[in-house]
């Protein structure tokens, strides 16, 4: 399509003048839609030390804060030091005991810190998600930062395997939550754990993702 030069320049200049939030919003991916999870329903938070709440108190860890924000009955199944393989081994018993409507999967950080093969970590997290879906629970996958040279400079990015798995399995994905918190010294208790303020920030972002993905039942 050929536009007159003056018309083309007018369109281009107007686009440049738009606030960045508007012209970038078209590039942002919205979470995939899920089924609403009722208030009072059991939700399982599967993870490692940042799910457990290391660096804060049990009342200020992200599962507790998220429970207050959503009305869900959240079972904290975070175990400090767990790898994705160890979380997978625990998962069947947890699913049988709690029969959750939703599982929040935030695992992989210890795999990265221990330099375990990425392909193995990816395959294990995929099995975690598939095992959960087979138990008729929904999955909200939570991206964990990659450990690389950028992380040393405290500029963190999600490991790409989470977006890949979310696309393949058609799962809602929490993007950038841990990367944002752990890159901000004011929100960290140490290099790899949040403080109470950081967990609160993360829980707020996760609640927003759940709402956008249709997982929050807004009825009272």
Protein backbone atom coordinates (compact mmCIF):
# COMPACT_ATOMS: atom_id res chain seq x y z
CA UNK A 1 0.00 0.00 0.00
CA UNK A 2 1.46 3.36 -1.06
CA UNK A 3 0.56 6.43 1.00
CA UNK A 4 1.19 10.04 -0.07
CA UNK A 5 4.44 11.24 1.52
CA UNK A 6 2.71 13.91 3.66
CA UNK A 7 0.13 11.41 4.96
CA UNK A 8 2.86 8.86 5.76
CA UNK A 9 4.89 11.42 7.72
CA UNK A 10 1.81 12.48 9.67
CA UNK A 11 1.08 8.88 10.73
CA UNK A 12 4.72 8.22 11.66
CA UNK A 13 5.09 11.39 13.73
CA UNK A 14 1.87 10.69 15.60
CA UNK A 15 3.09 7.20 16.46
CA UNK A 16 6.38 8.56 17.77
CA UNK A 17 4.52 11.10 19.89
CA UNK A 18 2.48 8.45 21.68
CA UNK A 19 3.44 7.67 25.27
CA UNK A 20 5.72 4.60 25.40
CA UNK A 21 3.16 2.66 27.44
CA UNK A 22 0.71 2.91 24.56
CA UNK A 23 2.94 1.95 21.67
CA UNK A 24 4.58 -0.84 23.68
CA UNK A 25 1.29 -2.26 24.94
CA UNK A 26 0.61 -3.85 21.58
CA UNK A 27 3.76 -5.96 22.03
CA UNK A 28 2.94 -7.16 25.55
CA UNK A 29 1.51 -10.66 25.80
CA UNK A 30 -1.64 -11.13 27.82
CA UNK A 31 -1.89 -14.23 30.04
CA UNK A 32 -3.82 -17.15 28.59
CA UNK A 33 -7.33 -17.48 29.97
CA UNK A 34 -8.25 -20.04 32.61
CA UNK A 35 -11.35 -20.94 34.61
CA UNK A 36 -12.24 -18.86 37.70
CA UNK A 37 -11.06 -20.32 40.99
CA UNK A 38 -13.61 -19.63 43.71
CA UNK A 39 -12.83 -17.87 46.96
CA UNK A 40 -12.06 -20.48 49.60
CA UNK A 41 -10.83 -22.99 47.02
CA UNK A 42 -7.57 -24.80 47.74
CA UNK A 43 -4.57 -23.54 45.77
CA UNK A 44 -1.15 -25.20 46.00
CA UNK A 45 1.99 -23.03 45.86
CA UNK A 46 4.73 -25.40 44.69
CA UNK A 47 8.27 -24.15 44.87
CA UNK A 48 11.53 -23.69 46.74
CA UNK A 49 12.78 -21.13 49.27
CA UNK A 50 11.18 -18.09 47.64
CA UNK A 51 7.82 -19.84 47.85
CA UNK A 52 8.56 -20.96 51.41
CA UNK A 53 9.26 -17.30 52.29
CA UNK A 54 12.94 -17.34 53.25
CA UNK A 55 13.93 -13.80 54.14
CA UNK A 56 10.60 -12.94 55.76
CA UNK A 57 8.08 -14.43 58.19
CA UNK A 58 5.44 -17.03 57.25
CA UNK A 59 2.78 -14.32 57.47
CA UNK A 60 4.61 -12.08 55.00
CA UNK A 61 5.67 -14.70 52.44
CA UNK A 62 3.99 -14.45 49.07
CA UNK A 63 1.49 -17.34 49.55
CA UNK A 64 0.09 -15.72 52.71
CA UNK A 65 -0.19 -12.30 51.09
CA UNK A 66 -1.74 -13.77 47.95
CA UNK A 67 -4.32 -15.61 50.08
CA UNK A 68 -5.39 -12.28 51.57
CA UNK A 69 -5.64 -10.68 48.13
CA UNK A 70 -7.60 -13.49 46.49
CA UNK A 71 -9.56 -15.26 49.22
CA UNK A 72 -7.99 -18.58 48.18
CA UNK A 73 -6.93 -21.16 50.73
CA UNK A 74 -3.27 -21.39 49.72
CA UNK A 75 -1.15 -24.33 50.84
CA UNK A 76 2.51 -23.32 50.99
CA UNK A 77 4.43 -26.24 49.47
CA UNK A 78 7.73 -24.41 49.18
CA UNK A 79 10.82 -26.33 50.36
CA UNK A 80 14.13 -24.43 50.61
CA UNK A 81 16.82 -25.92 48.40
CA UNK A 82 14.45 -27.95 46.24
CA UNK A 83 15.30 -28.51 42.61
CA UNK A 84 12.62 -29.07 40.00
CA UNK A 85 13.19 -32.85 40.25
CA UNK A 86 12.65 -32.81 44.01
CA UNK A 87 9.47 -30.76 43.59
CA UNK A 88 8.23 -33.26 41.00
CA UNK A 89 8.83 -36.12 43.42
CA UNK A 90 6.74 -34.37 46.09
CA UNK A 91 3.93 -33.37 43.75
CA UNK A 92 1.79 -36.55 43.49
CA UNK A 93 1.36 -36.82 47.27
CA UNK A 94 0.54 -33.12 47.50
CA UNK A 95 -2.08 -33.40 44.77
CA UNK A 96 -3.64 -36.42 46.44
CA UNK A 97 -3.70 -34.81 49.88
CA UNK A 98 -4.99 -31.37 48.95
CA UNK A 99 -6.85 -31.87 45.61
CA UNK A 100 -6.13 -28.24 44.62
CA UNK A 101 -8.12 -26.35 42.02
CA UNK A 102 -4.97 -24.50 40.97
CA UNK A 103 -1.22 -25.05 41.34
CA UNK A 104 1.20 -22.12 41.30
CA UNK A 105 4.44 -23.52 39.87
CA UNK A 106 7.52 -21.48 40.81
CA UNK A 107 10.53 -23.79 40.57
CA UNK A 108 13.89 -23.97 38.79
CA UNK A 109 16.04 -21.41 40.58
CA UNK A 110 18.14 -24.02 42.35
CA UNK A 111 18.61 -25.89 39.08
CA UNK A 112 20.08 -22.73 37.57
CA UNK A 113 22.26 -22.00 40.59
CA UNK A 114 23.65 -25.54 40.48
CA UNK A 115 24.20 -25.36 36.72
CA UNK A 116 22.02 -28.39 36.07
CA UNK A 117 21.34 -29.08 32.37
CA UNK A 118 18.69 -26.72 31.09
CA UNK A 119 17.09 -29.41 28.96
CA UNK A 120 16.58 -31.60 32.03
CA UNK A 121 15.11 -28.72 34.04
CA UNK A 122 12.77 -27.85 31.20
CA UNK A 123 11.62 -31.45 30.86
CA UNK A 124 11.03 -31.76 34.61
CA UNK A 125 9.00 -28.55 34.86
CA UNK A 126 6.97 -29.75 31.90
CA UNK A 127 6.25 -33.00 33.78
CA UNK A 128 5.21 -30.99 36.84
CA UNK A 129 2.70 -29.08 34.73
CA UNK A 130 1.42 -32.16 32.92
CA UNK A 131 1.06 -34.11 36.18
CA UNK A 132 -0.96 -31.26 37.64
CA UNK A 133 -3.21 -30.99 34.60
CA UNK A 134 -3.76 -34.75 34.64
CA UNK A 135 -5.03 -34.37 38.23
CA UNK A 136 -7.66 -31.91 36.90
CA UNK A 137 -6.04 -28.88 38.49
CA UNK A 138 -5.16 -25.71 36.62
CA UNK A 139 -1.59 -24.41 36.42
CA UNK A 140 -0.30 -20.87 36.72
CA UNK A 141 3.35 -21.05 35.70
CA UNK A 142 5.69 -18.54 37.33
CA UNK A 143 8.86 -17.53 35.51
CA UNK A 144 12.14 -17.60 37.45
CA UNK A 145 15.16 -15.45 36.51
CA UNK A 146 17.97 -16.93 34.46
CA UNK A 147 21.39 -17.02 36.12
CA UNK A 148 23.88 -15.36 33.79
CA UNK A 149 26.33 -12.46 33.57
CA UNK A 150 23.45 -9.98 33.57
CA UNK A 151 22.36 -11.31 36.94
CA UNK A 152 25.71 -10.32 38.42
CA UNK A 153 24.89 -6.72 37.50
CA UNK A 154 21.45 -7.17 39.13
CA UNK A 155 19.68 -6.86 35.81
CA UNK A 156 17.53 -9.97 35.77
CA UNK A 157 15.45 -11.55 33.03
CA UNK A 158 13.16 -14.54 33.06
CA UNK A 159 14.66 -17.80 31.83
CA UNK A 160 13.15 -18.37 28.37
CA UNK A 161 12.08 -21.95 29.14
CA UNK A 162 9.02 -20.67 31.05
CA UNK A 163 7.57 -18.76 28.13
CA UNK A 164 8.30 -21.72 25.86
CA UNK A 165 6.47 -24.14 28.15
CA UNK A 166 3.55 -21.75 28.65
CA UNK A 167 3.14 -21.49 24.88
CA UNK A 168 3.46 -25.23 24.32
CA UNK A 169 1.08 -26.25 27.10
CA UNK A 170 -1.23 -23.24 26.70
CA UNK A 171 -0.77 -22.11 30.30
CA UNK A 172 -1.10 -18.67 31.90
CA UNK A 173 2.33 -17.31 32.80
CA UNK A 174 3.50 -14.85 35.44
CA UNK A 175 6.20 -12.88 33.64
CA UNK A 176 8.86 -10.77 35.29
CA UNK A 177 7.60 -10.99 38.87
CA UNK A 178 10.67 -12.52 40.50
CA UNK A 179 13.01 -10.78 38.06
CA UNK A 180 11.67 -7.38 39.11
CA UNK A 181 11.76 -8.09 42.84
CA UNK A 182 15.18 -9.75 42.99
CA UNK A 183 16.78 -7.02 40.88
CA UNK A 184 15.78 -4.37 43.45
CA UNK A 185 18.00 -4.27 46.54
CA UNK A 186 15.24 -2.60 48.57
CA UNK A 187 13.00 -5.62 48.00
CA UNK A 188 15.59 -8.30 48.81
CA UNK A 189 16.65 -9.92 52.08
CA UNK A 190 19.77 -11.31 50.37
CA UNK A 191 21.02 -12.02 46.86
CA UNK A 192 18.37 -14.63 46.04
CA UNK A 193 15.48 -14.05 48.45
CA UNK A 194 12.91 -11.30 48.84
CA UNK A 195 12.06 -9.45 52.02
CA UNK A 196 8.52 -8.83 53.26
CA UNK A 197 8.11 -5.84 50.93
CA UNK A 198 9.39 -7.88 47.99
CA UNK A 199 7.03 -10.77 48.66
CA UNK A 200 4.13 -8.33 48.94
CA UNK A 201 5.09 -6.76 45.61
CA UNK A 202 5.32 -10.17 43.99
CA UNK A 203 1.96 -11.28 45.40
CA UNK A 204 0.29 -8.14 44.08
CA UNK A 205 1.69 -8.74 40.60
CA UNK A 206 0.69 -12.41 40.72
CA UNK A 207 -2.85 -11.49 41.76
CA UNK A 208 -3.03 -9.09 38.81
CA UNK A 209 -1.86 -11.83 36.44
CA UNK A 210 -4.43 -14.26 37.88
CA UNK A 211 -7.16 -11.66 37.40
CA UNK A 212 -6.12 -10.94 33.82
CA UNK A 213 -5.97 -14.68 33.10
CA UNK A 214 -9.53 -15.16 34.37
CA UNK A 215 -8.45 -17.25 37.37
CA UNK A 216 -9.87 -14.90 39.99
CA UNK A 217 -13.57 -15.25 40.75
CA UNK A 218 -14.59 -11.65 41.43
CA UNK A 219 -18.02 -12.58 42.79
CA UNK A 220 -18.54 -11.97 46.52
